[in-house]
Amino acid sequence: DWHRGGPYVFTINDVDELKKNLNTNYAFARKVVD
């Protein structure tokens, strides 16, 4: 996500968003540090 950051760092608040992208066209999510 380049719109919310450079790139945006996903947090606990973004878990539902990240779950929606499991098994889609993406193999990885960038930046998940927690």
All heavy atoms as atom14 arrays in JSON, in Angstrom:
{
  "sequence": "DWHRGGPYVFTINDVDELKKNLNTNYAFARKVVD",
  "atom14_mask": [
    [1, 1, 1, 1, 1, 1, 1, 1, 0, 0, 0, 0, 0, 0],
    [1, 1, 1, 1, 1, 1, 1, 1, 1, 1, 1, 1, 1, 1],
    [1, 1, 1, 1, 1, 1, 1, 1, 1, 1, 0, 0, 0, 0],
    [1, 1, 1, 1, 1, 1, 1, 1, 1, 1, 1, 0, 0, 0],
    [1, 1, 1, 1, 0, 0, 0, 0, 0, 0, 0, 0, 0, 0],
    [1, 1, 1, 1, 0, 0, 0, 0, 0, 0, 0, 0, 0, 0],
    [1, 1, 1, 1, 1, 1, 1, 0, 0, 0, 0, 0, 0, 0],
    [1, 1, 1, 1, 1, 1, 1, 1, 1, 1, 1, 1, 0, 0],
    [1, 1, 1, 1, 1, 1, 1, 0, 0, 0, 0, 0, 0, 0],
    [1, 1, 1, 1, 1, 1, 1, 1, 1, 1, 1, 0, 0, 0],
    [1, 1, 1, 1, 1, 1, 1, 0, 0, 0, 0, 0, 0, 0],
    [1, 1, 1, 1, 1, 1, 1, 1, 0, 0, 0, 0, 0, 0],
    [1, 1, 1, 1, 1, 1, 1, 1, 0, 0, 0, 0, 0, 0],
    [1, 1, 1, 1, 1, 1, 1, 1, 0, 0, 0, 0, 0, 0],
    [1, 1, 1, 1, 1, 1, 1, 0, 0, 0, 0, 0, 0, 0],
    [1, 1, 1, 1, 1, 1, 1, 1, 0, 0, 0, 0, 0, 0],
    [1, 1, 1, 1, 1, 1, 1, 1, 1, 0, 0, 0, 0, 0],
    [1, 1, 1, 1, 1, 1, 1, 1, 0, 0, 0, 0, 0, 0],
    [1, 1, 1, 1, 1, 1, 1, 1, 1, 0, 0, 0, 0, 0],
    [1, 1, 1, 1, 1, 1, 1, 1, 1, 0, 0, 0, 0, 0],
    [1, 1, 1, 1, 1, 1, 1, 1, 0, 0, 0, 0, 0, 0],
    [1, 1, 1, 1, 1, 1, 1, 1, 0, 0, 0, 0, 0, 0],
    [1, 1, 1, 1, 1, 1, 1, 1, 0, 0, 0, 0, 0, 0],
    [1, 1, 1, 1, 1, 1, 1, 0, 0, 0, 0, 0, 0, 0],
    [1, 1, 1, 1, 1, 1, 1, 1, 0, 0, 0, 0, 0, 0],
    [1, 1, 1, 1, 1, 1, 1, 1, 1, 1, 1, 1, 0, 0],
    [1, 1, 1, 1, 1, 0, 0, 0, 0, 0, 0, 0, 0, 0],
    [1, 1, 1, 1, 1, 1, 1, 1, 1, 1, 1, 0, 0, 0],
    [1, 1, 1, 1, 1, 0, 0, 0, 0, 0, 0, 0, 0, 0],
    [1, 1, 1, 1, 1, 1, 1, 1, 1, 1, 1, 0, 0, 0],
    [1, 1, 1, 1, 1, 1, 1, 1, 1, 0, 0, 0, 0, 0],
    [1, 1, 1, 1, 1, 1, 1, 0, 0, 0, 0, 0, 0, 0],
    [1, 1, 1, 1, 1, 1, 1, 0, 0, 0, 0, 0, 0, 0],
    [1, 1, 1, 1, 1, 1, 1, 1, 0, 0, 0, 0, 0, 0]
  ],
  "atom14_positions": [
    [[0.85, -1.2, 0.0], [0.0, 0.0, 0.0], [0.89, 1.25, 0.0], [1.45, 1.62, 1.02], [-0.91, -0.01, 1.23], [-1.9, 1.13, 1.21], [-1.69, 2.13, 0.48], [-2.9, 1.04, 1.94], [0.0, 0.0, 0.0], [0.0, 0.0, 0.0], [0.0, 0.0, 0.0], [0.0, 0.0, 0.0], [0.0, 0.0, 0.0], [0.0, 0.0, 0.0]],
    [[1.01, 1.86, -1.17], [1.81, 3.08, -1.31], [0.99, 4.33, -1.05], [1.54, 5.42, -0.94], [2.43, 3.16, -2.71], [3.46, 2.1, -2.96], [3.29, 0.96, -3.69], [4.79, 2.07, -2.48], [4.45, 0.21, -3.69], [5.39, 0.88, -2.96], [5.56, 2.93, -1.68], [6.71, 0.53, -2.67], [6.87, 2.57, -1.41], [7.43, 1.39, -1.9]],
    [[-0.34, 4.19, -0.94], [-1.21, 5.36, -0.77], [-1.23, 5.86, 0.68], [-1.35, 7.05, 0.92], [-2.62, 5.06, -1.24], [-2.67, 4.66, -2.69], [-2.45, 5.54, -3.72], [-2.88, 3.46, -3.27], [-2.53, 4.93, -4.87], [-2.78, 3.65, -4.63], [0.0, 0.0, 0.0], [0.0, 0.0, 0.0], [0.0, 0.0, 0.0], [0.0, 0.0, 0.0]],
    [[-1.13, 4.95, 1.62], [-1.17, 5.33, 3.04], [0.21, 5.48, 3.65], [0.33, 5.83, 4.82], [-1.96, 4.29, 3.85], [-3.43, 4.27, 3.5], [-4.17, 3.27, 4.36], [-3.92, 1.92, 3.86], [-4.42, 0.82, 4.41], [-5.18, 0.89, 5.48], [-4.16, -0.36, 3.88], [0.0, 0.0, 0.0], [0.0, 0.0, 0.0], [0.0, 0.0, 0.0]],
    [[1.25, 5.19, 2.91], [2.6, 5.29, 3.44], [3.62, 5.11, 2.34], [3.27, 5.03, 1.17], [0.0, 0.0, 0.0], [0.0, 0.0, 0.0], [0.0, 0.0, 0.0], [0.0, 0.0, 0.0], [0.0, 0.0, 0.0], [0.0, 0.0, 0.0], [0.0, 0.0, 0.0], [0.0, 0.0, 0.0], [0.0, 0.0, 0.0], [0.0, 0.0, 0.0]],
    [[4.88, 5.02, 2.72], [5.92, 4.89, 1.7], [6.86, 3.72, 1.93], [8.03, 3.97, 2.07], [0.0, 0.0, 0.0], [0.0, 0.0, 0.0], [0.0, 0.0, 0.0], [0.0, 0.0, 0.0], [0.0, 0.0, 0.0], [0.0, 0.0, 0.0], [0.0, 0.0, 0.0], [0.0, 0.0, 0.0], [0.0, 0.0, 0.0], [0.0, 0.0, 0.0]],
    [[6.47, 2.48, 1.97], [5.1, 1.97, 1.95], [4.47, 1.96, 3.35], [5.15, 2.1, 4.35], [5.26, 0.54, 1.44], [6.59, 0.12, 1.95], [7.44, 1.38, 1.92], [0.0, 0.0, 0.0], [0.0, 0.0, 0.0], [0.0, 0.0, 0.0], [0.0, 0.0, 0.0], [0.0, 0.0, 0.0], [0.0, 0.0, 0.0], [0.0, 0.0, 0.0]],
    [[3.17, 1.76, 3.36], [2.41, 1.69, 4.6], [2.82, 0.47, 5.4], [3.05, -0.61, 4.84], [0.92, 1.61, 4.26], [0.0, 1.44, 5.44], [-0.23, 2.49, 6.31], [-0.65, 0.23, 5.66], [-1.09, 2.33, 7.38], [-1.51, 0.07, 6.73], [-1.72, 1.12, 7.59], [-2.57, 0.97, 8.65], [0.0, 0.0, 0.0], [0.0, 0.0, 0.0]],
    [[2.92, 0.61, 6.72], [3.23, -0.51, 7.61], [1.92, -1.03, 8.18], [1.21, -0.31, 8.89], [4.19, -0.08, 8.75], [4.45, -1.24, 9.69], [5.49, 0.46, 8.18], [0.0, 0.0, 0.0], [0.0, 0.0, 0.0], [0.0, 0.0, 0.0], [0.0, 0.0, 0.0], [0.0, 0.0, 0.0], [0.0, 0.0, 0.0], [0.0, 0.0, 0.0]],
    [[1.59, -2.27, 7.84], [0.34, -2.88, 8.31], [0.43, -3.17, 9.81], [1.46, -3.59, 10.32], [0.04, -4.16, 7.54], [-0.26, -3.91, 6.09], [0.71, -4.13, 5.12], [-1.5, -3.44, 5.69], [0.44, -3.9, 3.78], [-1.78, -3.2, 4.36], [-0.81, -3.43, 3.4], [0.0, 0.0, 0.0], [0.0, 0.0, 0.0], [0.0, 0.0, 0.0]],
    [[-0.7, -2.93, 10.51], [-0.77, -3.1, 11.96], [-1.89, -4.07, 12.31], [-2.58, -4.6, 11.43], [-1.04, -1.76, 12.65], [-2.36, -1.31, 12.31], [-0.02, -0.69, 12.24], [0.0, 0.0, 0.0], [0.0, 0.0, 0.0], [0.0, 0.0, 0.0], [0.0, 0.0, 0.0], [0.0, 0.0, 0.0], [0.0, 0.0, 0.0], [0.0, 0.0, 0.0]],
    [[-2.11, -4.25, 13.61], [-3.19, -5.1, 14.11], [-4.53, -4.64, 13.53], [-5.4, -5.46, 13.24], [-3.23, -5.06, 15.66], [-2.02, -5.78, 16.24], [-4.52, -5.62, 16.2], [-2.01, -7.27, 15.99], [0.0, 0.0, 0.0], [0.0, 0.0, 0.0], [0.0, 0.0, 0.0], [0.0, 0.0, 0.0], [0.0, 0.0, 0.0], [0.0, 0.0, 0.0]],
    [[-4.71, -3.37, 13.33], [-5.96, -2.83, 12.79], [-6.21, -3.26, 11.35], [-7.31, -3.12, 10.84], [-5.98, -1.31, 12.87], [-5.9, -0.81, 14.29], [-6.38, -1.46, 15.21], [-5.29, 0.35, 14.48], [0.0, 0.0, 0.0], [0.0, 0.0, 0.0], [0.0, 0.0, 0.0], [0.0, 0.0, 0.0], [0.0, 0.0, 0.0], [0.0, 0.0, 0.0]],
    [[-5.2, -3.79, 10.67], [-5.31, -4.17, 9.27], [-5.44, -5.68, 9.05], [-5.41, -6.15, 7.91], [-4.07, -3.67, 8.5], [-3.88, -2.18, 8.64], [-4.85, -1.44, 8.37], [-2.77, -1.75, 9.03], [0.0, 0.0, 0.0], [0.0, 0.0, 0.0], [0.0, 0.0, 0.0], [0.0, 0.0, 0.0], [0.0, 0.0, 0.0], [0.0, 0.0, 0.0]],
    [[-5.6, -6.44, 10.12], [-5.66, -7.9, 10.01], [-6.77, -8.34, 9.06], [-6.57, -9.21, 8.2], [-5.8, -8.55, 11.4], [-6.15, -10.03, 11.28], [-4.51, -8.37, 12.2], [0.0, 0.0, 0.0], [0.0, 0.0, 0.0], [0.0, 0.0, 0.0], [0.0, 0.0, 0.0], [0.0, 0.0, 0.0], [0.0, 0.0, 0.0], [0.0, 0.0, 0.0]],
    [[-7.96, -7.76, 9.19], [-9.08, -8.16, 8.31], [-8.76, -7.86, 6.85], [-9.05, -8.68, 5.98], [-10.38, -7.45, 8.72], [-10.95, -7.99, 10.03], [-10.62, -9.14, 10.38], [-11.71, -7.25, 10.68], [0.0, 0.0, 0.0], [0.0, 0.0, 0.0], [0.0, 0.0, 0.0], [0.0, 0.0, 0.0], [0.0, 0.0, 0.0], [0.0, 0.0, 0.0]],
    [[-8.14, -6.73, 6.58], [-7.75, -6.38, 5.21], [-6.74, -7.39, 4.66], [-6.87, -7.85, 3.52], [-7.14, -4.98, 5.2], [-6.58, -4.54, 3.87], [-5.87, -3.19, 3.93], [-5.99, -2.47, 4.94], [-5.18, -2.88, 2.95], [0.0, 0.0, 0.0], [0.0, 0.0, 0.0], [0.0, 0.0, 0.0], [0.0, 0.0, 0.0], [0.0, 0.0, 0.0]],
    [[-5.78, -7.75, 5.47], [-4.77, -8.71, 5.03], [-5.36, -10.1, 4.83], [-5.0, -10.81, 3.89], [-3.6, -8.74, 6.02], [-2.76, -7.46, 6.06], [-1.83, -7.46, 7.26], [-1.99, -7.27, 4.78], [0.0, 0.0, 0.0], [0.0, 0.0, 0.0], [0.0, 0.0, 0.0], [0.0, 0.0, 0.0], [0.0, 0.0, 0.0], [0.0, 0.0, 0.0]],
    [[-6.29, -10.48, 5.7], [-6.95, -11.79, 5.55], [-7.72, -11.88, 4.24], [-7.76, -12.93, 3.6], [-7.91, -12.05, 6.72], [-7.24, -12.54, 7.96], [-8.28, -12.88, 9.02], [-7.65, -13.51, 10.22], [-8.68, -13.94, 11.2], [0.0, 0.0, 0.0], [0.0, 0.0, 0.0], [0.0, 0.0, 0.0], [0.0, 0.0, 0.0], [0.0, 0.0, 0.0]],
    [[-8.32, -10.76, 3.83], [-9.07, -10.74, 2.56], [-8.17, -10.99, 1.36], [-8.63, -11.39, 0.31], [-9.8, -9.41, 2.39], [-10.97, -9.23, 3.31], [-11.6, -7.87, 3.12], [-12.66, -7.63, 4.18], [-13.19, -6.26, 4.14], [0.0, 0.0, 0.0], [0.0, 0.0, 0.0], [0.0, 0.0, 0.0], [0.0, 0.0, 0.0], [0.0, 0.0, 0.0]],
    [[-6.89, -10.74, 1.52], [-5.95, -10.91, 0.41], [-5.2, -12.23, 0.43], [-4.35, -12.47, -0.42], [-4.96, -9.74, 0.39], [-5.61, -8.5, -0.15], [-5.87, -8.43, -1.35], [-5.9, -7.54, 0.7], [0.0, 0.0, 0.0], [0.0, 0.0, 0.0], [0.0, 0.0, 0.0], [0.0, 0.0, 0.0], [0.0, 0.0, 0.0], [0.0, 0.0, 0.0]],
    [[-5.53, -13.1, 1.39], [-4.95, -14.45, 1.4], [-5.46, -15.22, 0.19], [-6.62, -15.12, -0.18], [-5.34, -15.2, 2.67], [-4.6, -14.82, 3.95], [-5.2, -15.58, 5.14], [-3.12, -15.1, 3.84], [0.0, 0.0, 0.0], [0.0, 0.0, 0.0], [0.0, 0.0, 0.0], [0.0, 0.0, 0.0], [0.0, 0.0, 0.0], [0.0, 0.0, 0.0]],
    [[-4.59, -15.99, -0.43], [-4.95, -16.84, -1.57], [-5.55, -16.05, -2.74], [-6.47, -16.51, -3.4], [-5.9, -17.95, -1.13], [-5.26, -18.84, -0.1], [-4.09, -19.19, -0.22], [-6.0, -19.19, 0.93], [0.0, 0.0, 0.0], [0.0, 0.0, 0.0], [0.0, 0.0, 0.0], [0.0, 0.0, 0.0], [0.0, 0.0, 0.0], [0.0, 0.0, 0.0]],
    [[-5.01, -14.87, -2.97], [-5.42, -14.05, -4.12], [-4.23, -13.99, -5.08], [-3.41, -14.89, -5.11], [-5.85, -12.64, -3.67], [-4.73, -11.98, -3.05], [-7.02, -12.7, -2.69], [0.0, 0.0, 0.0], [0.0, 0.0, 0.0], [0.0, 0.0, 0.0], [0.0, 0.0, 0.0], [0.0, 0.0, 0.0], [0.0, 0.0, 0.0], [0.0, 0.0, 0.0]],
    [[-4.12, -12.9, -5.82], [-3.01, -12.73, -6.76], [-1.71, -12.32, -6.08], [-0.71, -12.12, -6.76], [-3.37, -11.69, -7.82], [-4.47, -12.18, -8.72], [-4.65, -13.37, -8.92], [-5.24, -11.26, -9.27], [0.0, 0.0, 0.0], [0.0, 0.0, 0.0], [0.0, 0.0, 0.0], [0.0, 0.0, 0.0], [0.0, 0.0, 0.0], [0.0, 0.0, 0.0]],
    [[-1.72, -12.17, -4.77], [-0.53, -11.75, -4.05], [0.1, -12.93, -3.31], [-0.59, -13.72, -2.67], [-0.87, -10.65, -3.03], [-1.47, -9.44, -3.67], [-2.83, -9.16, -3.53], [-0.7, -8.57, -4.42], [-3.39, -8.04, -4.12], [-1.25, -7.45, -5.02], [-2.59, -7.19, -4.86], [-3.13, -6.09, -5.45], [0.0, 0.0, 0.0], [0.0, 0.0, 0.0]],
    [[1.41, -13.05, -3.39], [2.13, -14.09, -2.67], [2.66, -13.57, -1.33], [2.91, -14.34, -0.42], [3.29, -14.61, -3.51], [0.0, 0.0, 0.0], [0.0, 0.0, 0.0], [0.0, 0.0, 0.0], [0.0, 0.0, 0.0], [0.0, 0.0, 0.0], [0.0, 0.0, 0.0], [0.0, 0.0, 0.0], [0.0, 0.0, 0.0], [0.0, 0.0, 0.0]],
    [[2.83, -12.25, -1.23], [3.4, -11.64, -0.04], [2.71, -10.32, 0.27], [2.14, -9.71, -0.63], [4.9, -11.33, -0.24], [5.71, -12.51, -0.67], [5.97, -12.73, -2.01], [6.21, -13.4, 0.26], [6.72, -13.82, -2.42], [6.95, -14.49, -0.14], [7.21, -14.71, -1.47], [0.0, 0.0, 0.0], [0.0, 0.0, 0.0], [0.0, 0.0, 0.0]],
    [[2.81, -9.89, 1.53], [2.39, -8.56, 1.92], [3.63, -7.82, 2.41], [4.47, -8.39, 3.09], [1.34, -8.61, 3.03], [0.0, 0.0, 0.0], [0.0, 0.0, 0.0], [0.0, 0.0, 0.0], [0.0, 0.0, 0.0], [0.0, 0.0, 0.0], [0.0, 0.0, 0.0], [0.0, 0.0, 0.0], [0.0, 0.0, 0.0], [0.0, 0.0, 0.0]],
    [[3.74, -6.58, 2.05], [4.86, -5.77, 2.47], [4.31, -4.56, 3.2], [3.41, -3.91, 2.68], [5.68, -5.31, 1.27], [6.89, -4.52, 1.71], [7.76, -4.15, 0.53], [8.91, -3.43, 0.99], [9.36, -2.32, 0.46], [8.77, -1.8, -0.58], [10.41, -1.73, 0.94], [0.0, 0.0, 0.0], [0.0, 0.0, 0.0], [0.0, 0.0, 0.0]],
    [[4.64, -4.27, 4.14], [5.41, -4.24, 5.32], [4.57, -4.69, 6.51], [3.73, -3.95, 6.98], [5.88, -2.85, 5.6], [6.99, -2.35, 4.74], [7.9, -1.57, 5.59], [9.1, -1.09, 4.95], [10.33, -1.15, 5.53], [0.0, 0.0, 0.0], [0.0, 0.0, 0.0], [0.0, 0.0, 0.0], [0.0, 0.0, 0.0], [0.0, 0.0, 0.0]],
    [[4.83, -5.85, 6.98], [4.22, -6.37, 8.21], [5.38, -6.61, 9.16], [6.16, -7.53, 8.96], [3.44, -7.67, 7.96], [2.84, -8.19, 9.25], [2.38, -7.47, 6.9], [0.0, 0.0, 0.0], [0.0, 0.0, 0.0], [0.0, 0.0, 0.0], [0.0, 0.0, 0.0], [0.0, 0.0, 0.0], [0.0, 0.0, 0.0], [0.0, 0.0, 0.0]],
    [[5.5, -5.75, 10.18], [6.66, -5.85, 11.07], [6.31, -6.42, 12.44], [7.2, -6.87, 13.15], [7.37, -4.48, 11.22], [7.95, -4.03, 9.88], [6.44, -3.43, 11.78], [0.0, 0.0, 0.0], [0.0, 0.0, 0.0], [0.0, 0.0, 0.0], [0.0, 0.0, 0.0], [0.0, 0.0, 0.0], [0.0, 0.0, 0.0], [0.0, 0.0, 0.0]],
    [[5.05, -6.42, 12.79], [4.61, -6.91, 14.09], [4.24, -8.39, 13.99], [3.29, -8.74, 13.28], [3.42, -6.09, 14.57], [2.92, -6.47, 15.94], [3.38, -7.48, 16.51], [2.04, -5.75, 16.46], [0.0, 0.0, 0.0], [0.0, 0.0, 0.0], [0.0, 0.0, 0.0], [0.0, 0.0, 0.0], [0.0, 0.0, 0.0], [0.0, 0.0, 0.0]]
  ]
}
